[in-house]
Amino acid sequence: MSNQSLMDWLLQFTDRDQLNKLIYNFVADIYHEAGAYMDAARCLALAGKEEQAADIYLEHHQENRAIVCLIKCKAYEKALMESRKWFEQLAENDVSSHVNARLYISCCLIHLNKDKQEAHKNYIEAREIIESEEYRKGCLAGNIWESLGVYGTYILRDDLIRIGYEKALSYYEECNPSEWKRTIQSYITAISFDRLLVHELKHQLELKFPENGEALPQSITNSLGMTFVLIPSGTFMMGSPEDEPERDDDELLHEVTLTQSFYMQTTQVTQSQWESIMVDNPSRFKDGASNCPVEEISWEDAQAFISKLNKQDGTGKYRLPTEAEWEYACRAGTSGPYHFGNCISTAQANYDGNYPLSNCPKGEFREKTTPVGSFEPNAYGLYDMHGNVREWCQDWFDNYPTSTVTDPKGPVVGKFRVLRGGSWYYSANYCRSAYRNRFEPPGRYSSTGFRLVFSLG
């Protein structure tokens, strides 16, 4: 029986929505058994079991996702309690989280018909933060304005839906077409009662992403189940400004243009993905860690994996990212030390929290890797760009150019290959978007792994 025939047979006994929920619930059990808890929580939410999903998210310090699930299932008392606890733990410079926490508190108080003065106060404080941070432009500004639009849907305020989503779209258009597409689709759903506006938004969507097959898919999945997202071509400032805390001298700020879009793996290569191709697993942290990143990988090991995967999939397009591609994808339209903002917390990434960036709070030191996708992704949908394991890049290490460059690939020869992204073992400084590291190609370390790029050319 074909998959379609099976689906048609099952639909005789239940409707499609109910069938989808049953499937998601079944898949959630599989993910949970495999230790892929974030995927399990996501599937539980899609199965309509938001409160169970929230419990998993809370257990793994994903407060933002948990509170969203609780609000969606109208568990407002619990959502209010968790929002207040989360708010107390936030780093001062974690802008997006401060906005969301205040809006969640306001939303819950409104629905519970409690303390209207406190609800209004939290809303006003969130708006003030949003408007004061607008100077950042790019995807971070888009993120915090979108939060206002989502808040509008929670409390049925059409004006806030329009303001939040329109502002978010204006910023995403500058830095991330895939986020723009996702956001306009969410906007259409949120404003479905306004037929004229829906028609206008769908027209905008069709103009930018025509349905004639010309637009590239926003994500692809390969034979190993690796997911890759489209990273659009563009121009950005690579390196760090001279006033960035704890910057190094090799981070000279310069303009880079990438003329070709590319696909980047959403996660670091996992141990199970490595074993599918290479059989032997060299990783130090193996216990129940099939969904953790493979580590103890040299640059040469990564090349051997890529060669075998290209042969298996009948292509030559898998490779390591260039250093410029890596930083461009990591930043996702942002310009600060991290794509999260000026500080990073151990609730956002896996690094040694005993050593935060200057003027940022301390956190925990897990002393090992964590399953990929355990923390919030950046605006491109990439996980663990800060921390977990350092990632090999294709380039030989060299000093940056002093002028504008296009599609840089590093020198032809060298002694060291580039590593990016920080790790579970290192301080927050090493996790900065601009931080550069380097090792000889045969070097193997429990703090080092890799992720892949799939070329379009």
Protein backbone atom coordinates (compact mmCIF):
# COMPACT_ATOMS: atom_id res chain seq x y z
CA MET A 1 0.00 0.00 0.00
CA SER A 2 1.42 3.41 -0.96
CA ASN A 3 1.75 6.23 1.58
CA GLN A 4 -1.07 8.11 -0.15
CA SER A 5 -3.35 5.06 -0.14
CA LEU A 6 -2.62 4.49 3.54
CA MET A 7 -3.43 8.12 4.29
CA ASP A 8 -6.72 7.90 2.38
CA TRP A 9 -7.62 4.69 4.25
CA LEU A 10 -6.90 6.25 7.64
CA LEU A 11 -8.93 9.34 6.78
CA GLN A 12 -12.03 7.15 6.61
CA PHE A 13 -11.88 6.87 10.41
CA THR A 14 -10.76 10.34 11.50
CA ASP A 15 -10.26 13.85 10.15
CA ARG A 16 -6.90 15.11 8.88
CA ASP A 17 -6.21 17.37 11.88
CA GLN A 18 -6.75 14.53 14.34
CA LEU A 19 -4.61 12.20 12.25
CA ASN A 20 -1.79 14.76 12.16
CA LYS A 21 -1.94 15.06 15.95
CA LEU A 22 -1.74 11.28 16.36
CA ILE A 23 1.30 11.17 14.08
CA TYR A 24 3.04 14.03 15.90
CA ASN A 25 2.35 12.33 19.24
CA PHE A 26 3.84 9.09 17.93
CA VAL A 27 6.94 10.89 16.58
CA ALA A 28 7.31 12.76 19.90
CA ASP A 29 7.60 9.41 21.71
CA ILE A 30 10.34 8.32 19.29
CA TYR A 31 12.28 11.56 19.77
CA HIS A 32 11.93 11.36 23.54
CA GLU A 33 13.18 7.78 23.60
CA ALA A 34 16.20 8.85 21.52
CA GLY A 35 16.99 11.71 23.89
CA ALA A 36 16.10 14.41 21.33
CA TYR A 37 14.02 16.32 23.88
CA MET A 38 13.62 19.59 21.99
CA ASP A 39 12.26 17.75 18.94
CA ALA A 40 9.97 15.75 21.25
CA ALA A 41 8.62 18.95 22.80
CA ARG A 42 8.06 20.54 19.39
CA CYS A 43 6.07 17.50 18.22
CA LEU A 44 4.03 17.43 21.43
CA ALA A 45 3.07 21.06 20.87
CA LEU A 46 2.01 20.23 17.30
CA ALA A 47 -0.01 17.32 18.70
CA GLY A 48 -1.95 19.76 20.86
CA LYS A 49 -0.17 18.76 24.09
CA GLU A 50 1.31 22.17 24.79
CA GLU A 51 1.46 21.76 28.57
CA GLN A 52 3.50 18.54 28.26
CA ALA A 53 5.75 20.31 25.77
CA ALA A 54 6.14 23.20 28.20
CA ASP A 55 7.26 20.84 30.97
CA ILE A 56 10.04 19.47 28.74
CA TYR A 57 11.13 22.95 27.68
CA LEU A 58 11.26 24.09 31.31
CA GLU A 59 13.28 21.03 32.29
CA HIS A 60 15.85 22.02 29.66
CA HIS A 61 15.87 25.75 30.50
CA GLN A 62 13.94 26.82 27.40
CA GLU A 63 11.67 29.23 29.26
CA ASN A 64 10.65 31.29 26.25
CA ARG A 65 9.34 28.28 24.33
CA ALA A 66 7.68 26.89 27.45
CA ILE A 67 5.76 30.07 28.23
CA VAL A 68 4.53 30.34 24.62
CA CYS A 69 3.15 26.78 24.91
CA LEU A 70 1.45 27.61 28.21
CA ILE A 71 -0.18 30.74 26.79
CA LYS A 72 -1.39 28.84 23.71
CA CYS A 73 -3.11 26.23 25.90
CA LYS A 74 -4.49 29.01 28.15
CA ALA A 75 -2.60 27.86 31.26
CA TYR A 76 -2.25 31.51 32.23
CA GLU A 77 -1.55 31.05 35.95
CA LYS A 78 1.39 28.76 35.25
CA ALA A 79 2.55 30.96 32.38
CA LEU A 80 2.49 34.01 34.67
CA MET A 81 4.49 32.22 37.36
CA GLU A 82 7.12 30.98 34.88
CA SER A 83 7.30 34.41 33.17
CA ARG A 84 8.06 36.09 36.48
CA LYS A 85 10.69 33.49 37.40
CA TRP A 86 12.29 33.84 33.96
CA PHE A 87 12.26 37.63 34.21
CA GLU A 88 14.20 37.52 37.49
CA GLN A 89 16.94 35.39 35.92
CA LEU A 90 17.51 37.45 32.76
CA ALA A 91 20.81 39.13 32.01
CA GLU A 92 20.52 42.91 31.84
CA ASN A 93 21.53 43.08 28.19
CA ASP A 94 19.33 40.24 26.95
CA VAL A 95 17.07 42.63 25.06
CA SER A 96 14.76 40.20 23.26
CA SER A 97 14.09 38.15 26.39
CA HIS A 98 13.34 41.26 28.46
CA VAL A 99 10.78 42.35 25.86
CA ASN A 100 9.16 38.90 25.71
CA ALA A 101 9.07 38.38 29.49
CA ARG A 102 7.31 41.71 30.05
CA LEU A 103 4.79 41.05 27.26
CA TYR A 104 4.06 37.54 28.57
CA ILE A 105 3.43 38.91 32.09
CA SER A 106 1.13 41.58 30.68
CA CYS A 107 -0.73 39.04 28.51
CA CYS A 108 -1.31 36.63 31.42
CA LEU A 109 -2.52 39.38 33.76
CA ILE A 110 -4.99 40.61 31.12
CA HIS A 111 -6.42 37.12 30.58
CA LEU A 112 -6.60 36.46 34.31
CA ASN A 113 -8.23 39.88 34.82
CA LYS A 114 -5.65 40.68 37.49
CA ASP A 115 -3.77 43.87 38.33
CA LYS A 116 -4.45 45.96 35.23
CA GLN A 117 -1.92 48.53 36.43
CA GLU A 118 0.91 45.96 36.46
CA ALA A 119 -0.18 44.62 33.06
CA HIS A 120 -0.07 48.12 31.59
CA LYS A 121 3.29 48.86 33.25
CA ASN A 122 4.91 45.76 31.74
CA TYR A 123 3.50 46.56 28.31
CA ILE A 124 4.79 50.15 28.44
CA GLU A 125 8.25 49.00 29.58
CA ALA A 126 8.38 46.48 26.70
CA ARG A 127 7.43 49.17 24.17
CA GLU A 128 10.10 51.50 25.55
CA ILE A 129 12.76 48.80 25.16
CA ILE A 130 11.60 48.00 21.62
CA GLU A 131 11.70 51.61 20.52
CA SER A 132 15.04 52.32 22.24
CA GLU A 133 16.62 49.29 20.54
CA GLU A 134 15.32 50.13 17.06
CA TYR A 135 18.63 51.78 16.19
CA ARG A 136 20.14 48.30 15.87
CA LYS A 137 18.16 47.75 12.66
CA GLY A 138 18.48 44.34 11.03
CA CYS A 139 17.10 41.09 12.35
CA LEU A 140 17.33 41.89 16.07
CA ALA A 141 15.02 44.87 15.58
CA GLY A 142 12.75 42.60 13.50
CA ASN A 143 12.67 40.03 16.31
CA ILE A 144 11.58 42.45 19.01
CA TRP A 145 8.95 44.16 16.85
CA GLU A 146 7.53 40.77 15.88
CA SER A 147 7.16 40.02 19.60
CA LEU A 148 4.78 42.97 19.80
CA GLY A 149 2.73 41.58 16.90
CA VAL A 150 2.47 38.17 18.56
CA TYR A 151 1.45 39.86 21.83
CA GLY A 152 -1.33 41.59 19.87
CA THR A 153 -2.65 38.20 18.73
CA TYR A 154 -2.63 36.90 22.32
CA ILE A 155 -4.74 39.79 23.66
CA LEU A 156 -6.77 40.41 20.46
CA ARG A 157 -5.39 43.90 19.75
CA ASP A 158 -5.54 44.46 15.98
CA ASP A 159 -3.52 47.69 16.18
CA LEU A 160 -0.59 45.97 17.90
CA ILE A 161 -0.71 43.07 15.43
CA ARG A 162 -0.37 45.52 12.54
CA ILE A 163 2.31 47.70 14.14
CA GLY A 164 4.44 44.76 15.29
CA TYR A 165 4.31 42.72 12.10
CA GLU A 166 4.70 45.70 9.73
CA LYS A 167 7.81 46.88 11.58
CA ALA A 168 9.23 43.35 11.71
CA LEU A 169 8.72 42.91 7.97
CA SER A 170 10.52 46.16 7.22
CA TYR A 171 13.61 44.98 9.10
CA TYR A 172 13.58 41.35 7.97
CA GLU A 173 13.41 42.53 4.37
CA GLU A 174 16.85 44.09 4.83
CA CYS A 175 18.59 41.09 6.37
CA ASN A 176 16.75 37.80 5.91
CA PRO A 177 14.29 36.92 3.11
CA SER A 178 13.38 33.59 4.72
CA GLU A 179 12.41 35.32 7.98
CA TRP A 180 10.46 37.89 5.95
CA LYS A 181 8.54 35.07 4.28
CA ARG A 182 7.83 33.29 7.56
CA THR A 183 6.71 36.52 9.20
CA ILE A 184 4.36 37.64 6.43
CA GLN A 185 2.74 34.18 6.51
CA SER A 186 2.25 34.53 10.28
CA TYR A 187 0.88 38.04 9.73
CA ILE A 188 -1.64 36.72 7.21
CA THR A 189 -2.85 34.14 9.73
CA ALA A 190 -3.06 36.71 12.53
CA ILE A 191 -5.03 39.20 10.45
CA SER A 192 -7.19 36.67 8.55
CA PHE A 193 -10.41 38.58 9.38
CA ASP A 194 -9.24 41.59 7.30
CA ARG A 195 -9.78 40.34 3.75
CA LEU A 196 -8.38 43.41 2.03
CA LEU A 197 -5.16 43.36 4.03
CA VAL A 198 -4.81 39.59 3.56
CA HIS A 199 -5.16 40.07 -0.21
CA GLU A 200 -2.48 42.79 -0.18
CA LEU A 201 -0.08 40.69 1.91
CA LYS A 202 -0.55 37.63 -0.29
CA HIS A 203 0.21 39.81 -3.31
CA GLN A 204 3.46 40.98 -1.66
CA LEU A 205 4.35 37.37 -0.91
CA GLU A 206 3.67 36.27 -4.48
CA LEU A 207 5.81 39.08 -5.90
CA LYS A 208 8.81 38.15 -3.72
CA PHE A 209 8.29 34.36 -3.77
CA PRO A 210 6.44 33.41 -6.98
CA GLU A 211 4.83 29.97 -7.11
CA ASN A 212 6.25 29.19 -10.56
CA GLY A 213 9.18 27.18 -9.28
CA GLU A 214 11.74 29.96 -9.63
CA ALA A 215 12.16 30.59 -5.90
CA LEU A 216 14.56 28.33 -4.03
CA PRO A 217 13.14 26.21 -1.19
CA GLN A 218 13.84 27.74 2.23
CA SER A 219 15.12 24.42 3.57
CA ILE A 220 16.23 21.03 2.27
CA THR A 221 16.84 17.66 3.95
CA ASN A 222 19.36 15.07 2.77
CA SER A 223 19.66 11.28 2.98
CA LEU A 224 20.95 11.42 6.58
CA GLY A 225 18.09 13.61 7.75
CA MET A 226 20.35 16.68 7.94
CA THR A 227 18.34 19.88 7.49
CA PHE A 228 19.85 22.83 5.65
CA VAL A 229 18.37 26.35 5.50
CA LEU A 230 18.84 28.87 2.73
CA ILE A 231 21.26 31.68 3.60
CA PRO A 232 20.66 34.55 1.15
CA SER A 233 23.50 36.43 -0.51
CA GLY A 234 24.28 39.85 0.94
CA THR A 235 26.76 42.33 2.38
CA PHE A 236 27.83 42.62 6.01
CA MET A 237 30.56 43.99 8.27
CA MET A 238 32.93 41.16 9.21
CA GLY A 239 35.06 41.39 12.34
CA SER A 240 34.40 43.55 15.40
CA PRO A 241 34.40 47.29 16.19
CA GLU A 242 37.25 48.55 18.36
CA ASP A 243 34.93 49.12 21.34
CA GLU A 244 33.63 45.52 21.46
CA PRO A 245 34.55 43.99 24.86
CA GLU A 246 37.46 41.53 24.84
CA ARG A 247 38.00 41.71 21.07
CA ASP A 248 41.27 40.52 19.54
CA ASP A 249 43.59 42.36 17.15
CA ASP A 250 42.89 39.91 14.30
CA GLU A 251 39.20 40.98 14.09
CA LEU A 252 39.69 44.02 11.84
CA LEU A 253 36.27 45.33 10.82
CA HIS A 254 35.82 45.24 7.04
CA GLU A 255 32.99 45.00 4.52
CA VAL A 256 32.33 41.63 2.86
CA THR A 257 29.92 40.82 0.05
CA LEU A 258 28.77 37.26 -0.60
CA THR A 259 27.33 37.09 -4.10
CA GLN A 260 26.03 33.51 -3.90
CA SER A 261 23.28 32.20 -1.62
CA PHE A 262 24.00 28.85 0.01
CA TYR A 263 22.43 26.28 2.31
CA MET A 264 23.86 25.75 5.80
CA GLN A 265 23.16 22.83 8.12
CA THR A 266 20.88 23.96 10.95
CA THR A 267 22.88 22.00 13.54
CA GLN A 268 26.38 20.74 14.07
CA VAL A 269 26.97 17.24 12.63
CA THR A 270 25.71 14.77 15.23
CA GLN A 271 27.28 11.53 16.40
CA SER A 272 24.52 9.46 14.77
CA GLN A 273 25.03 11.28 11.45
CA TRP A 274 28.77 10.70 11.68
CA GLU A 275 28.28 6.98 12.44
CA SER A 276 25.97 6.64 9.42
CA ILE A 277 28.89 7.51 7.16
CA MET A 278 32.10 6.73 9.08
CA VAL A 279 30.92 3.91 11.46
CA ASP A 280 33.48 4.55 14.24
CA ASN A 281 32.59 7.36 16.67
CA PRO A 282 35.64 9.21 18.04
CA SER A 283 33.67 11.41 20.46
CA ARG A 284 34.56 11.80 24.12
CA PHE A 285 30.96 12.36 25.25
CA LYS A 286 29.16 9.24 24.00
CA ASP A 287 26.78 8.18 26.78
CA GLY A 288 23.26 8.57 25.36
CA ALA A 289 24.59 11.29 23.10
CA SER A 290 23.64 10.23 19.56
CA ASN A 291 22.04 13.66 19.09
CA CYS A 292 25.05 15.50 20.54
CA PRO A 293 27.64 16.91 18.16
CA VAL A 294 30.41 14.59 17.06
CA GLU A 295 33.74 15.84 18.47
CA GLU A 296 37.41 14.86 18.54
CA ILE A 297 37.21 15.61 14.82
CA SER A 298 40.15 17.00 12.87
CA TRP A 299 39.81 19.16 9.78
CA GLU A 300 41.06 16.18 7.78
CA ASP A 301 38.42 13.91 9.39
CA ALA A 302 35.73 16.37 8.36
CA GLN A 303 36.99 16.29 4.79
CA ALA A 304 36.86 12.48 4.77
CA PHE A 305 33.24 12.59 6.00
CA ILE A 306 32.32 15.15 3.33
CA SER A 307 33.93 13.07 0.58
CA LYS A 308 31.96 9.96 1.56
CA LEU A 309 28.69 11.88 1.94
CA ASN A 310 29.13 13.49 -1.48
CA LYS A 311 29.71 10.04 -2.97
CA GLN A 312 26.68 8.55 -1.18
CA ASP A 313 24.37 11.36 -2.30
CA GLY A 314 25.82 11.53 -5.81
CA THR A 315 26.85 15.16 -5.56
CA GLY A 316 29.90 17.33 -5.02
CA LYS A 317 28.16 20.14 -3.20
CA TYR A 318 28.73 19.33 0.48
CA ARG A 319 31.64 21.24 2.00
CA LEU A 320 32.74 23.24 5.03
CA PRO A 321 31.69 26.90 5.11
CA THR A 322 34.21 29.60 4.35
CA GLU A 323 35.05 31.77 7.34
CA ALA A 324 33.08 34.67 5.82
CA GLU A 325 30.04 32.46 5.19
CA TRP A 326 30.20 31.21 8.77
CA GLU A 327 30.26 34.67 10.35
CA TYR A 328 27.59 36.02 7.97
CA ALA A 329 25.30 33.10 8.81
CA CYS A 330 26.04 33.39 12.54
CA ARG A 331 25.23 37.10 12.68
CA ALA A 332 21.97 36.75 10.71
CA GLY A 333 21.77 40.51 10.23
CA THR A 334 23.06 41.49 13.70
CA SER A 335 26.21 43.46 14.51
CA GLY A 336 26.84 42.89 18.24
CA PRO A 337 29.06 40.36 20.02
CA TYR A 338 26.34 37.69 19.73
CA HIS A 339 23.26 37.25 17.58
CA PHE A 340 21.38 37.36 20.92
CA GLY A 341 22.72 40.85 21.76
CA ASN A 342 25.56 42.28 23.87
CA CYS A 343 25.58 39.41 26.39
CA ILE A 344 24.98 35.71 26.22
CA SER A 345 23.69 33.46 28.99
CA THR A 346 24.08 29.73 29.57
CA ALA A 347 20.31 29.48 29.02
CA GLN A 348 21.07 30.51 25.42
CA ALA A 349 24.24 28.53 24.68
CA ASN A 350 26.60 25.88 26.06
CA TYR A 351 29.89 27.43 27.24
CA ASP A 352 31.79 27.86 30.51
CA GLY A 353 29.50 30.21 32.40
CA ASN A 354 32.18 30.87 35.03
CA TYR A 355 33.77 33.25 32.52
CA PRO A 356 31.15 35.62 31.05
CA LEU A 357 31.90 38.54 28.74
CA SER A 358 32.78 41.79 30.52
CA ASN A 359 29.83 43.23 32.49
CA CYS A 360 27.68 40.16 31.83
CA PRO A 361 26.40 37.68 34.46
CA LYS A 362 27.91 34.30 35.24
CA GLY A 363 26.15 31.03 34.46
CA GLU A 364 26.61 27.28 34.77
CA PHE A 365 29.46 25.16 33.42
CA ARG A 366 28.01 21.92 32.04
CA GLU A 367 31.45 20.37 31.38
CA LYS A 368 30.21 18.48 28.32
CA THR A 369 28.35 18.88 25.05
CA THR A 370 24.56 19.16 24.87
CA PRO A 371 22.16 17.75 22.23
CA VAL A 372 22.06 19.91 19.12
CA GLY A 373 19.07 22.25 18.96
CA SER A 374 18.81 22.55 22.76
CA PHE A 375 18.85 26.36 22.61
CA GLU A 376 17.09 29.08 20.63
CA PRO A 377 18.28 29.41 17.01
CA ASN A 378 19.32 32.66 15.36
CA ALA A 379 17.12 34.47 12.84
CA TYR A 380 18.24 32.15 10.03
CA GLY A 381 17.18 29.08 12.04
CA LEU A 382 20.75 27.98 12.87
CA TYR A 383 21.40 26.36 16.27
CA ASP A 384 24.53 26.43 18.44
CA MET A 385 26.39 29.06 16.45
CA HIS A 386 27.64 30.21 19.86
CA GLY A 387 29.11 27.35 21.90
CA ASN A 388 28.70 23.57 22.20
CA VAL A 389 31.62 22.74 19.87
CA ARG A 390 33.94 24.87 17.78
CA GLU A 391 33.39 24.41 14.05
CA TRP A 392 35.99 23.90 11.34
CA CYS A 393 35.87 26.28 8.37
CA GLN A 394 37.33 25.63 4.93
CA ASP A 395 39.88 28.49 4.99
CA TRP A 396 43.52 28.62 5.90
CA PHE A 397 43.98 31.25 8.60
CA ASP A 398 45.33 34.68 7.58
CA ASN A 399 45.04 38.34 8.55
CA TYR A 400 41.95 40.13 7.29
CA PRO A 401 42.18 42.50 4.31
CA THR A 402 42.06 46.24 4.96
CA SER A 403 39.53 46.97 2.22
CA THR A 404 36.17 45.74 0.92
CA VAL A 405 36.22 42.15 -0.40
CA THR A 406 33.86 39.89 -2.35
CA ASP A 407 33.47 36.14 -1.74
CA PRO A 408 36.71 35.73 0.28
CA LYS A 409 38.09 32.20 0.61
CA GLY A 410 41.32 32.73 2.55
CA PRO A 411 44.87 32.11 1.31
CA VAL A 412 45.78 29.23 -1.03
CA VAL A 413 48.21 27.68 1.48
CA GLY A 414 48.86 28.01 5.20
CA LYS A 415 49.67 26.24 8.45
CA PHE A 416 46.40 26.58 10.39
CA ARG A 417 42.74 26.07 9.48
CA VAL A 418 40.07 28.39 10.90
CA LEU A 419 37.74 27.38 13.75
CA ARG A 420 34.67 29.38 14.77
CA GLY A 421 31.90 29.47 17.36
CA GLY A 422 33.31 28.70 20.82
CA SER A 423 32.48 25.53 22.77
CA TRP A 424 31.31 23.92 26.01
CA TYR A 425 34.88 24.21 27.32
CA TYR A 426 35.62 27.86 26.63
CA SER A 427 34.55 31.25 28.00
CA ALA A 428 31.89 33.53 26.55
CA ASN A 429 34.55 35.64 24.82
CA TYR A 430 35.41 32.68 22.56
CA CYS A 431 31.74 32.40 21.54
CA ARG A 432 31.50 35.91 20.05
CA SER A 433 30.40 36.15 16.39
CA ALA A 434 33.73 37.76 15.44
CA TYR A 435 36.08 35.54 17.46
CA ARG A 436 38.65 33.64 15.37
CA ASN A 437 40.50 30.48 16.36
CA ARG A 438 42.90 28.26 14.44
CA PHE A 439 44.56 24.85 14.65
CA GLU A 440 46.62 22.60 12.45
CA PRO A 441 44.43 20.35 10.24
CA PRO A 442 45.27 17.04 12.03
CA GLY A 443 44.31 18.43 15.49
CA ARG A 444 41.55 16.60 17.39
CA TYR A 445 39.83 18.03 20.48
CA SER A 446 36.68 17.22 22.47
CA SER A 447 35.68 20.85 21.98
CA THR A 448 35.78 20.68 18.18
CA GLY A 449 33.25 19.52 15.56
CA PHE A 450 31.77 20.91 12.35
CA ARG A 451 28.66 21.68 10.33
CA LEU A 452 28.16 21.49 6.57
CA VAL A 453 27.26 23.80 3.75
CA PHE A 454 25.45 22.67 0.61
CA SER A 455 26.53 24.82 -2.34
CA LEU A 456 24.19 26.10 -5.01
CA GLY A 457 26.93 26.52 -7.59
